[in-house]
Amino acid sequence: MDQNYYTTKVDHVLSDNDRLNTRFVWAQAPEVIPAVFRTAFSDPRAGTRSNRHWNTTTSWMHNFSPTVINEFRFNWGDRCTSTARRRLPNANAEFGFRA
């Protein structure tokens, strides 16, 4: 399976006392989770999981004096995970249940 990760960062000096930086991370990392039990029907976690997430962080630093520095940080992100399960139409019959 293909996994893609992208990261970018920008640093900027606004003035002698102010600095700004921003970082953005994006990832798409699907994975296959095998069944723990003998039949996939018995394990709801088994299947292909689609993992996508992104995150951005911004930081502003201000120097008030050589001994006093203030830093403000902001972070925002999102994560999307979904699992595609196999459809087994006759799985109940395998366990002896009538349809």
Protein backbone atom coordinates (compact mmCIF):
# COMPACT_ATOMS: atom_id res chain seq x y z
CA MET A 1 0.00 0.00 0.00
CA ASP A 2 1.14 3.49 -0.77
CA GLN A 3 1.72 5.86 2.12
CA ASN A 4 2.23 9.57 1.52
CA TYR A 5 3.59 12.14 3.96
CA TYR A 6 4.13 15.84 3.21
CA THR A 7 5.64 18.47 5.49
CA THR A 8 6.34 22.12 4.86
CA LYS A 9 7.65 24.86 7.15
CA VAL A 10 8.01 28.61 6.67
CA ASP A 11 10.04 30.90 8.94
CA HIS A 12 9.76 34.66 8.63
CA VAL A 13 11.44 37.51 10.51
CA LEU A 14 8.91 40.34 10.86
CA SER A 15 11.25 42.69 12.73
CA ASP A 16 14.21 42.57 15.12
CA ASN A 17 11.80 41.61 17.92
CA ASP A 18 9.19 39.51 16.09
CA ARG A 19 9.46 36.14 14.38
CA LEU A 20 6.73 34.00 12.81
CA ASN A 21 6.81 30.38 11.71
CA THR A 22 4.20 28.00 10.33
CA ARG A 23 4.33 24.25 9.77
CA PHE A 24 1.86 22.09 7.84
CA VAL A 25 1.81 18.27 7.87
CA TRP A 26 -0.43 16.04 5.72
CA ALA A 27 -0.42 12.25 5.75
CA GLN A 28 -2.29 9.46 4.00
CA ALA A 29 -1.30 6.08 5.39
CA PRO A 30 -3.73 3.21 4.70
CA GLU A 31 -3.10 -0.12 6.41
CA VAL A 32 -4.41 -3.68 6.22
CA ILE A 33 -5.42 -5.17 9.57
CA PRO A 34 -5.61 -8.98 9.47
CA ALA A 35 -8.28 -10.90 11.36
CA VAL A 36 -7.23 -12.16 14.80
CA PHE A 37 -9.79 -14.97 14.79
CA ARG A 38 -10.10 -17.83 12.32
CA THR A 39 -12.92 -16.15 10.38
CA ALA A 40 -12.92 -12.48 9.43
CA PHE A 41 -16.61 -12.33 10.36
CA SER A 42 -15.66 -12.78 14.04
CA ASP A 43 -13.29 -9.82 14.07
CA PRO A 44 -14.88 -6.42 13.35
CA ARG A 45 -11.47 -4.71 13.36
CA ALA A 46 -10.21 -6.71 10.37
CA GLY A 47 -10.09 -5.00 7.01
CA THR A 48 -8.44 -2.10 5.26
CA ARG A 49 -8.18 1.09 7.30
CA SER A 50 -7.91 4.44 5.55
CA ASN A 51 -5.91 6.91 7.64
CA ARG A 52 -5.73 10.55 6.61
CA HIS A 53 -4.78 13.46 8.79
CA TRP A 54 -3.43 16.98 8.61
CA ASN A 55 -2.03 19.37 11.16
CA THR A 56 -0.91 22.99 11.11
CA THR A 57 1.00 24.89 13.77
CA THR A 58 1.76 28.61 13.89
CA SER A 59 4.10 30.29 16.33
CA TRP A 60 4.82 33.96 16.96
CA MET A 61 7.77 35.00 19.14
CA HIS A 62 8.21 38.52 20.48
CA ASN A 63 11.30 39.76 22.35
CA PHE A 64 10.38 42.43 24.86
CA SER A 65 13.92 42.62 26.21
CA PRO A 66 17.00 40.37 26.27
CA THR A 67 15.55 38.59 29.33
CA VAL A 68 11.80 38.64 28.53
CA ILE A 69 10.50 36.63 25.55
CA ASN A 70 6.88 35.78 24.78
CA GLU A 71 5.79 32.98 22.45
CA PHE A 72 2.24 32.35 21.19
CA ARG A 73 1.44 28.99 19.56
CA PHE A 74 -1.66 27.81 17.75
CA ASN A 75 -2.26 24.23 16.58
CA TRP A 76 -5.15 22.85 14.52
CA GLY A 77 -5.63 19.43 12.96
CA ASP A 78 -8.06 16.81 11.76
CA ARG A 79 -7.96 13.03 11.51
CA CYS A 80 -10.14 10.75 9.39
CA THR A 81 -10.06 7.00 9.90
CA SER A 82 -12.45 4.56 8.28
CA THR A 83 -12.39 0.79 8.01
CA ALA A 84 -13.69 -1.13 5.02
CA ARG A 85 -14.99 -4.47 6.26
CA ARG A 86 -15.53 -7.50 4.10
CA ARG A 87 -19.13 -8.42 3.38
CA LEU A 88 -19.79 -12.08 4.13
CA PRO A 89 -23.42 -12.83 3.15
CA ASN A 90 -23.45 -16.46 4.41
CA ALA A 91 -21.44 -15.90 7.60
CA ASN A 92 -24.37 -16.66 9.92
CA ALA A 93 -24.83 -20.06 8.26
CA GLU A 94 -21.21 -20.91 9.04
CA PHE A 95 -22.05 -20.61 12.74
CA GLY A 96 -25.24 -22.69 12.42
CA PHE A 97 -27.76 -19.82 12.47
CA ARG A 98 -30.71 -19.94 10.11
CA ALA A 99 -31.26 -16.99 7.83
